Amino acid sequence: MRGSLGGLDAGNAFPYDLRTMFAVIMTGGKQYIVREGQQLKIEKLPGEKGDKIDFQEVLLLAEDDGAVTDIGTPTLKGKKVSAEILEQGKGKKIDIVKYKPKSKYTRRTGHRQPYTKVLITKI
């Protein structure tokens, strides 16, 4: 093994600097690991494209190398993650088919889950 990466070259194994901060936030009933500059799709939030939002429910703040780690109980007081709304949209269509044999009953519907695409600007 070379170094602490288990034989992996740091340039190939990790697409980010090893001294960057990451956070675990909670929104829409789900938890997300986020870094500055990252784009992600989350459950729909109110707002328009270009609006700034803050995530107050920060569960964990840490550096990638483990030098600094703050764990909330259950959240960290006074900490927030800032983001910018990039897009409001709908996901791929999901087909729902209900079928009962021998009774000529078939029902087809669809669903497209709304989402908000955000850019993490500051941790």
C-alpha atoms as a PDB file:
ATOM      1  CA  MET A   1       0.000   0.000   0.000  1.00  0.00           C
ATOM      2  CA  ARG A   2       1.225   3.441  -0.887  1.00  0.00           C
ATOM      3  CA  GLY A   3       0.237   6.192   1.534  1.00  0.00           C
ATOM      4  CA  SER A   4      -3.139   6.348   3.225  1.00  0.00           C
ATOM      5  CA  LEU A   5      -5.246   5.881   0.082  1.00  0.00           C
ATOM      6  CA  GLY A   6      -4.780   2.132  -0.097  1.00  0.00           C
ATOM      7  CA  GLY A   7      -2.650   2.155  -3.237  1.00  0.00           C
ATOM      8  CA  LEU A   8      -4.884   4.534  -5.175  1.00  0.00           C
ATOM      9  CA  ASP A   9      -3.581   7.648  -6.849  1.00  0.00           C
ATOM     10  CA  ALA A  10      -5.280  10.671  -5.254  1.00  0.00           C
ATOM     11  CA  GLY A  11      -5.783  12.314  -8.662  1.00  0.00           C
ATOM     12  CA  ASN A  12      -7.721   9.345 -10.007  1.00  0.00           C
ATOM     13  CA  ALA A  13      -9.572   8.190  -6.894  1.00  0.00           C
ATOM     14  CA  PHE A  14     -11.057  11.491  -5.712  1.00  0.00           C
ATOM     15  CA  PRO A  15     -12.347  14.256  -8.009  1.00  0.00           C
ATOM     16  CA  TYR A  16     -11.883  16.853  -5.232  1.00  0.00           C
ATOM     17  CA  ASP A  17      -9.153  18.191  -2.967  1.00  0.00           C
ATOM     18  CA  LEU A  18      -8.589  16.111   0.170  1.00  0.00           C
ATOM     19  CA  ARG A  19      -8.763  19.198   2.417  1.00  0.00           C
ATOM     20  CA  THR A  20     -12.285  20.244   1.359  1.00  0.00           C
ATOM     21  CA  MET A  21     -15.266  20.436   3.659  1.00  0.00           C
ATOM     22  CA  PHE A  22     -18.381  18.390   3.193  1.00  0.00           C
ATOM     23  CA  ALA A  23     -21.682  18.418   5.027  1.00  0.00           C
ATOM     24  CA  VAL A  24     -24.645  16.131   5.507  1.00  0.00           C
ATOM     25  CA  ILE A  25     -27.904  18.064   5.151  1.00  0.00           C
ATOM     26  CA  MET A  26     -31.490  16.972   5.488  1.00  0.00           C
ATOM     27  CA  THR A  27     -34.226  18.206   3.148  1.00  0.00           C
ATOM     28  CA  GLY A  28     -37.397  16.609   1.877  1.00  0.00           C
ATOM     29  CA  GLY A  29     -37.066  13.776   4.397  1.00  0.00           C
ATOM     30  CA  LYS A  30     -33.767  12.640   2.838  1.00  0.00           C
ATOM     31  CA  GLN A  31     -30.121  13.134   3.755  1.00  0.00           C
ATOM     32  CA  TYR A  32     -27.534  14.340   1.230  1.00  0.00           C
ATOM     33  CA  ILE A  33     -23.746  14.556   1.370  1.00  0.00           C
ATOM     34  CA  VAL A  34     -22.812  17.899  -0.228  1.00  0.00           C
ATOM     35  CA  ARG A  35     -19.666  19.837  -1.126  1.00  0.00           C
ATOM     36  CA  GLU A  36     -19.186  23.382  -2.391  1.00  0.00           C
ATOM     37  CA  GLY A  37     -19.727  23.636  -6.143  1.00  0.00           C
ATOM     38  CA  GLN A  38     -21.796  20.455  -6.282  1.00  0.00           C
ATOM     39  CA  GLN A  39     -25.099  20.319  -8.169  1.00  0.00           C
ATOM     40  CA  LEU A  40     -27.838  17.979  -6.982  1.00  0.00           C
ATOM     41  CA  LYS A  41     -31.517  17.255  -7.493  1.00  0.00           C
ATOM     42  CA  ILE A  42     -33.632  17.355  -4.353  1.00  0.00           C
ATOM     43  CA  GLU A  43     -37.340  17.245  -3.543  1.00  0.00           C
ATOM     44  CA  LYS A  44     -39.200  20.301  -4.829  1.00  0.00           C
ATOM     45  CA  LEU A  45     -38.667  23.508  -2.866  1.00  0.00           C
ATOM     46  CA  PRO A  46     -40.544  26.794  -3.297  1.00  0.00           C
ATOM     47  CA  GLY A  47     -38.654  29.421  -5.271  1.00  0.00           C
ATOM     48  CA  GLU A  48     -37.635  30.499  -8.747  1.00  0.00           C
ATOM     49  CA  LYS A  49     -34.465  30.041 -10.777  1.00  0.00           C
ATOM     50  CA  GLY A  50     -31.671  32.160  -9.306  1.00  0.00           C
ATOM     51  CA  ASP A  51     -33.142  32.360  -5.777  1.00  0.00           C
ATOM     52  CA  LYS A  52     -30.813  31.774  -2.824  1.00  0.00           C
ATOM     53  CA  ILE A  53     -31.804  29.238  -0.178  1.00  0.00           C
ATOM     54  CA  ASP A  54     -30.289  28.100   3.114  1.00  0.00           C
ATOM     55  CA  PHE A  55     -30.452  24.592   4.537  1.00  0.00           C
ATOM     56  CA  GLN A  56     -30.647  24.939   8.332  1.00  0.00           C
ATOM     57  CA  GLU A  57     -30.759  21.195   9.104  1.00  0.00           C
ATOM     58  CA  VAL A  58     -27.032  20.390   8.975  1.00  0.00           C
ATOM     59  CA  LEU A  59     -26.375  16.996  10.534  1.00  0.00           C
ATOM     60  CA  LEU A  60     -22.599  16.807  10.087  1.00  0.00           C
ATOM     61  CA  LEU A  61     -19.691  19.023   9.013  1.00  0.00           C
ATOM     62  CA  ALA A  62     -16.307  17.480   8.298  1.00  0.00           C
ATOM     63  CA  GLU A  63     -13.120  17.682   6.266  1.00  0.00           C
ATOM     64  CA  ASP A  64     -12.338  14.839   3.894  1.00  0.00           C
ATOM     65  CA  ASP A  65      -9.152  13.902   5.719  1.00  0.00           C
ATOM     66  CA  GLY A  66     -11.009  13.736   9.065  1.00  0.00           C
ATOM     67  CA  ALA A  67      -9.056  16.554  10.738  1.00  0.00           C
ATOM     68  CA  VAL A  68     -12.245  18.440  11.664  1.00  0.00           C
ATOM     69  CA  THR A  69     -15.551  16.701  12.361  1.00  0.00           C
ATOM     70  CA  ASP A  70     -18.649  18.256  13.939  1.00  0.00           C
ATOM     71  CA  ILE A  71     -21.562  15.895  14.567  1.00  0.00           C
ATOM     72  CA  GLY A  72     -24.965  17.285  15.489  1.00  0.00           C
ATOM     73  CA  THR A  73     -27.375  15.942  18.096  1.00  0.00           C
ATOM     74  CA  PRO A  74     -29.431  15.754  15.870  1.00  0.00           C
ATOM     75  CA  THR A  75     -28.490  19.019  14.082  1.00  0.00           C
ATOM     76  CA  LEU A  76     -25.693  21.557  14.435  1.00  0.00           C
ATOM     77  CA  LYS A  77     -26.903  24.824  15.957  1.00  0.00           C
ATOM     78  CA  GLY A  78     -26.008  27.989  14.028  1.00  0.00           C
ATOM     79  CA  LYS A  79     -24.613  26.152  10.990  1.00  0.00           C
ATOM     80  CA  LYS A  80     -26.129  26.364   7.517  1.00  0.00           C
ATOM     81  CA  VAL A  81     -25.424  25.398   3.932  1.00  0.00           C
ATOM     82  CA  SER A  82     -26.187  27.992   1.258  1.00  0.00           C
ATOM     83  CA  ALA A  83     -27.363  27.109  -2.236  1.00  0.00           C
ATOM     84  CA  GLU A  84     -28.756  28.650  -5.401  1.00  0.00           C
ATOM     85  CA  ILE A  85     -31.716  27.253  -7.337  1.00  0.00           C
ATOM     86  CA  LEU A  86     -30.635  26.332 -10.864  1.00  0.00           C
ATOM     87  CA  GLU A  87     -33.815  24.718 -12.153  1.00  0.00           C
ATOM     88  CA  GLN A  88     -37.313  23.567 -11.249  1.00  0.00           C
ATOM     89  CA  GLY A  89     -38.434  20.514 -13.182  1.00  0.00           C
ATOM     90  CA  LYS A  90     -40.056  17.123 -13.343  1.00  0.00           C
ATOM     91  CA  GLY A  91     -38.342  13.747 -13.434  1.00  0.00           C
ATOM     92  CA  LYS A  92     -38.834  10.914 -15.885  1.00  0.00           C
ATOM     93  CA  LYS A  93     -42.359   9.598 -16.267  1.00  0.00           C
ATOM     94  CA  ILE A  94     -43.237   6.485 -14.302  1.00  0.00           C
ATOM     95  CA  ASP A  95     -46.014   4.336 -15.780  1.00  0.00           C
ATOM     96  CA  ILE A  96     -48.526   2.815 -13.393  1.00  0.00           C
ATOM     97  CA  VAL A  97     -50.617  -0.074 -14.720  1.00  0.00           C
ATOM     98  CA  LYS A  98     -53.435  -1.730 -12.797  1.00  0.00           C
ATOM     99  CA  TYR A  99     -54.785  -4.938 -14.307  1.00  0.00           C
ATOM    100  CA  LYS A 100     -57.310  -7.497 -13.147  1.00  0.00           C
ATOM    101  CA  PRO A 101     -57.519 -10.641 -15.197  1.00  0.00           C
ATOM    102  CA  LYS A 102     -60.851 -12.115 -16.325  1.00  0.00           C
ATOM    103  CA  SER A 103     -62.758  -8.884 -15.704  1.00  0.00           C
ATOM    104  CA  LYS A 104     -61.623  -6.654 -18.606  1.00  0.00           C
ATOM    105  CA  TYR A 105     -60.208  -4.093 -16.143  1.00  0.00           C
ATOM    106  CA  THR A 106     -57.101  -2.170 -17.181  1.00  0.00           C
ATOM    107  CA  ARG A 107     -56.106   1.244 -15.908  1.00  0.00           C
ATOM    108  CA  ARG A 108     -53.011   3.196 -16.939  1.00  0.00           C
ATOM    109  CA  THR A 109     -51.732   6.364 -15.315  1.00  0.00           C
ATOM    110  CA  GLY A 110     -48.404   8.093 -15.009  1.00  0.00           C
ATOM    111  CA  HIS A 111     -46.463  10.228 -12.575  1.00  0.00           C
ATOM    112  CA  ARG A 112     -43.607  12.711 -12.887  1.00  0.00           C
ATOM    113  CA  GLN A 113     -41.953  13.640  -9.595  1.00  0.00           C
ATOM    114  CA  PRO A 114     -41.166  17.373  -9.287  1.00  0.00           C
ATOM    115  CA  TYR A 115     -37.611  18.291  -8.256  1.00  0.00           C
ATOM    116  CA  THR A 116     -35.395  21.297  -7.628  1.00  0.00           C
ATOM    117  CA  LYS A 117     -31.841  21.355  -8.954  1.00  0.00           C
ATOM    118  CA  VAL A 118     -29.526  23.365  -6.681  1.00  0.00           C
ATOM    119  CA  LEU A 119     -25.890  24.479  -6.686  1.00  0.00           C
ATOM    120  CA  ILE A 120     -24.175  24.385  -3.287  1.00  0.00           C
ATOM    121  CA  THR A 121     -22.430  27.745  -2.923  1.00  0.00           C
ATOM    122  CA  LYS A 122     -21.173  27.820   0.674  1.00  0.00           C
ATOM    123  CA  ILE A 123     -20.758  25.445   3.589  1.00  0.00           C
END
